[in-house]
Amino acid sequence: KHSIQVKFEDIDRIEKTGDRVTLVLGKKPQCYVKPEGEPRTVTMEVCKDITGGAKAITFAVGPGSFSEESLRMRARDSKTVSFTEIQQIVTERSPRLAALFAGL
């Protein structure tokens, strides 16, 4: 199983259009892989770039199969939160992310 890591300082710009968020990167993301046969809790290992040298990462923001209300209800019993809540939390704690989300 592969994953990628983008550090806040590697994000040059954040573009939001409708339900799409694009992270414009100044540095390619770091890629990791879980060693085969190892449990999920094992430390991921650095691997070759699986993004093709991505300069931007775009993802769709949305409740998926959950509504905002159902996410709030689930959040009481789990760690599930909406993107809006995450955006608010990170912008309160990081002046850099607040500026990026504000388009500065």
C-alpha atoms as a PDB file:
ATOM      1  CA  LYS A   1       0.000   0.000   0.000  1.00  0.00           C
ATOM      2  CA  HIS A   2       1.394   3.404  -1.023  1.00  0.00           C
ATOM      3  CA  SER A   3       0.937   6.831   0.524  1.00  0.00           C
ATOM      4  CA  ILE A   4       2.314  10.299  -0.059  1.00  0.00           C
ATOM      5  CA  GLN A   5       3.391  13.064   2.306  1.00  0.00           C
ATOM      6  CA  VAL A   6       3.180  16.768   1.540  1.00  0.00           C
ATOM      7  CA  LYS A   7       4.696  19.084   4.124  1.00  0.00           C
ATOM      8  CA  PHE A   8       3.023  22.443   4.736  1.00  0.00           C
ATOM      9  CA  GLU A   9       6.207  24.281   3.770  1.00  0.00           C
ATOM     10  CA  ASP A  10       6.195  22.530   0.374  1.00  0.00           C
ATOM     11  CA  ILE A  11       2.811  24.031  -0.580  1.00  0.00           C
ATOM     12  CA  ASP A  12       3.223  27.178  -2.688  1.00  0.00           C
ATOM     13  CA  ARG A  13      -0.477  27.860  -3.221  1.00  0.00           C
ATOM     14  CA  ILE A  14      -3.923  26.437  -2.461  1.00  0.00           C
ATOM     15  CA  GLU A  15      -6.624  26.859  -5.092  1.00  0.00           C
ATOM     16  CA  LYS A  16     -10.267  26.121  -4.233  1.00  0.00           C
ATOM     17  CA  THR A  17     -12.884  25.840  -6.972  1.00  0.00           C
ATOM     18  CA  GLY A  18     -16.232  24.459  -5.919  1.00  0.00           C
ATOM     19  CA  ASP A  19     -15.608  21.119  -4.248  1.00  0.00           C
ATOM     20  CA  ARG A  20     -12.066  20.792  -5.634  1.00  0.00           C
ATOM     21  CA  VAL A  21      -8.917  21.779  -3.764  1.00  0.00           C
ATOM     22  CA  THR A  22      -5.559  21.931  -5.533  1.00  0.00           C
ATOM     23  CA  LEU A  23      -2.298  22.043  -3.635  1.00  0.00           C
ATOM     24  CA  VAL A  24       0.313  23.657  -5.906  1.00  0.00           C
ATOM     25  CA  LEU A  25       3.660  22.299  -4.766  1.00  0.00           C
ATOM     26  CA  GLY A  26       7.148  23.749  -4.723  1.00  0.00           C
ATOM     27  CA  LYS A  27       8.639  20.299  -4.120  1.00  0.00           C
ATOM     28  CA  LYS A  28       7.450  16.839  -5.173  1.00  0.00           C
ATOM     29  CA  PRO A  29       5.715  14.799  -2.470  1.00  0.00           C
ATOM     30  CA  GLN A  30       7.582  12.134  -0.516  1.00  0.00           C
ATOM     31  CA  CYS A  31       6.274   8.647  -1.295  1.00  0.00           C
ATOM     32  CA  TYR A  32       6.024   5.716   1.095  1.00  0.00           C
ATOM     33  CA  VAL A  33       5.067   2.056   0.944  1.00  0.00           C
ATOM     34  CA  LYS A  34       4.019  -0.396   3.654  1.00  0.00           C
ATOM     35  CA  PRO A  35       6.294  -3.420   3.533  1.00  0.00           C
ATOM     36  CA  GLU A  36       4.372  -6.429   2.181  1.00  0.00           C
ATOM     37  CA  GLY A  37       3.124  -8.789   4.832  1.00  0.00           C
ATOM     38  CA  GLU A  38       3.621  -6.265   7.631  1.00  0.00           C
ATOM     39  CA  PRO A  39       0.768  -4.997   9.834  1.00  0.00           C
ATOM     40  CA  ARG A  40      -0.717  -1.528   9.276  1.00  0.00           C
ATOM     41  CA  THR A  41       1.053  -0.209  12.354  1.00  0.00           C
ATOM     42  CA  VAL A  42       4.519  -0.819  10.886  1.00  0.00           C
ATOM     43  CA  THR A  43       6.595   2.182   9.878  1.00  0.00           C
ATOM     44  CA  MET A  44       6.195   3.012   6.206  1.00  0.00           C
ATOM     45  CA  GLU A  45       9.348   2.904   4.060  1.00  0.00           C
ATOM     46  CA  VAL A  46      10.408   5.612   1.605  1.00  0.00           C
ATOM     47  CA  CYS A  47       9.897   4.431  -1.972  1.00  0.00           C
ATOM     48  CA  LYS A  48      10.273   5.702  -5.530  1.00  0.00           C
ATOM     49  CA  ASP A  49       8.058   8.572  -6.637  1.00  0.00           C
ATOM     50  CA  ILE A  50       4.604   7.243  -7.544  1.00  0.00           C
ATOM     51  CA  THR A  51       3.285  10.690  -8.538  1.00  0.00           C
ATOM     52  CA  GLY A  52       5.379  11.194 -11.667  1.00  0.00           C
ATOM     53  CA  GLY A  53       6.967  14.294 -10.126  1.00  0.00           C
ATOM     54  CA  ALA A  54       3.611  15.933  -9.332  1.00  0.00           C
ATOM     55  CA  LYS A  55       3.652  19.735  -9.201  1.00  0.00           C
ATOM     56  CA  ALA A  56       0.055  19.805  -7.942  1.00  0.00           C
ATOM     57  CA  ILE A  57      -2.361  17.508  -6.156  1.00  0.00           C
ATOM     58  CA  THR A  58      -6.098  17.961  -6.637  1.00  0.00           C
ATOM     59  CA  PHE A  59      -8.751  16.313  -4.538  1.00  0.00           C
ATOM     60  CA  ALA A  60     -12.511  16.595  -4.264  1.00  0.00           C
ATOM     61  CA  VAL A  61     -13.939  17.758  -0.977  1.00  0.00           C
ATOM     62  CA  GLY A  62     -17.293  16.415  -0.008  1.00  0.00           C
ATOM     63  CA  PRO A  63     -19.187  14.366   2.452  1.00  0.00           C
ATOM     64  CA  GLY A  64     -19.002  11.274   0.237  1.00  0.00           C
ATOM     65  CA  SER A  65     -21.698   9.002   1.530  1.00  0.00           C
ATOM     66  CA  PHE A  66     -22.038  11.128   4.672  1.00  0.00           C
ATOM     67  CA  SER A  67     -23.881  14.413   5.129  1.00  0.00           C
ATOM     68  CA  GLU A  68     -22.361  17.205   7.246  1.00  0.00           C
ATOM     69  CA  GLU A  69     -24.876  16.335   9.979  1.00  0.00           C
ATOM     70  CA  SER A  70     -23.971  12.641   9.973  1.00  0.00           C
ATOM     71  CA  LEU A  71     -20.279  13.565  10.090  1.00  0.00           C
ATOM     72  CA  ARG A  72     -20.891  15.740  13.155  1.00  0.00           C
ATOM     73  CA  MET A  73     -22.806  12.903  14.808  1.00  0.00           C
ATOM     74  CA  ARG A  74     -20.031  10.423  14.011  1.00  0.00           C
ATOM     75  CA  ALA A  75     -17.396  12.874  15.236  1.00  0.00           C
ATOM     76  CA  ARG A  76     -18.772  12.526  18.756  1.00  0.00           C
ATOM     77  CA  ASP A  77     -17.912   8.834  18.719  1.00  0.00           C
ATOM     78  CA  SER A  78     -14.927   8.803  16.382  1.00  0.00           C
ATOM     79  CA  LYS A  79     -12.223  10.947  14.811  1.00  0.00           C
ATOM     80  CA  THR A  80     -14.260  11.653  11.648  1.00  0.00           C
ATOM     81  CA  VAL A  81     -14.493  15.387  10.849  1.00  0.00           C
ATOM     82  CA  SER A  82     -15.419  17.382   7.764  1.00  0.00           C
ATOM     83  CA  PHE A  83     -12.926  19.166   5.539  1.00  0.00           C
ATOM     84  CA  THR A  84     -14.406  22.512   6.612  1.00  0.00           C
ATOM     85  CA  GLU A  85     -13.624  21.692  10.246  1.00  0.00           C
ATOM     86  CA  ILE A  86     -10.096  20.594   9.375  1.00  0.00           C
ATOM     87  CA  GLN A  87      -9.524  23.769   7.342  1.00  0.00           C
ATOM     88  CA  GLN A  88     -10.668  25.901  10.272  1.00  0.00           C
ATOM     89  CA  ILE A  89      -8.427  24.057  12.741  1.00  0.00           C
ATOM     90  CA  VAL A  90      -5.286  24.214  10.602  1.00  0.00           C
ATOM     91  CA  THR A  91      -5.762  27.864   9.639  1.00  0.00           C
ATOM     92  CA  GLU A  92      -6.177  28.818  13.306  1.00  0.00           C
ATOM     93  CA  ARG A  93      -2.899  27.099  14.157  1.00  0.00           C
ATOM     94  CA  SER A  94      -0.794  27.859  11.093  1.00  0.00           C
ATOM     95  CA  PRO A  95      -0.374  31.394   9.744  1.00  0.00           C
ATOM     96  CA  ARG A  96       1.174  29.872   6.595  1.00  0.00           C
ATOM     97  CA  LEU A  97      -1.887  27.709   5.866  1.00  0.00           C
ATOM     98  CA  ALA A  98      -4.226  30.596   6.709  1.00  0.00           C
ATOM     99  CA  ALA A  99      -2.398  32.736   4.122  1.00  0.00           C
ATOM    100  CA  LEU A 100      -2.443  29.920   1.546  1.00  0.00           C
ATOM    101  CA  PHE A 101      -6.196  29.331   1.973  1.00  0.00           C
ATOM    102  CA  ALA A 102      -6.740  33.107   1.736  1.00  0.00           C
ATOM    103  CA  GLY A 103      -4.892  33.096  -1.588  1.00  0.00           C
ATOM    104  CA  LEU A 104      -1.935  35.155  -0.373  1.00  0.00           C
END
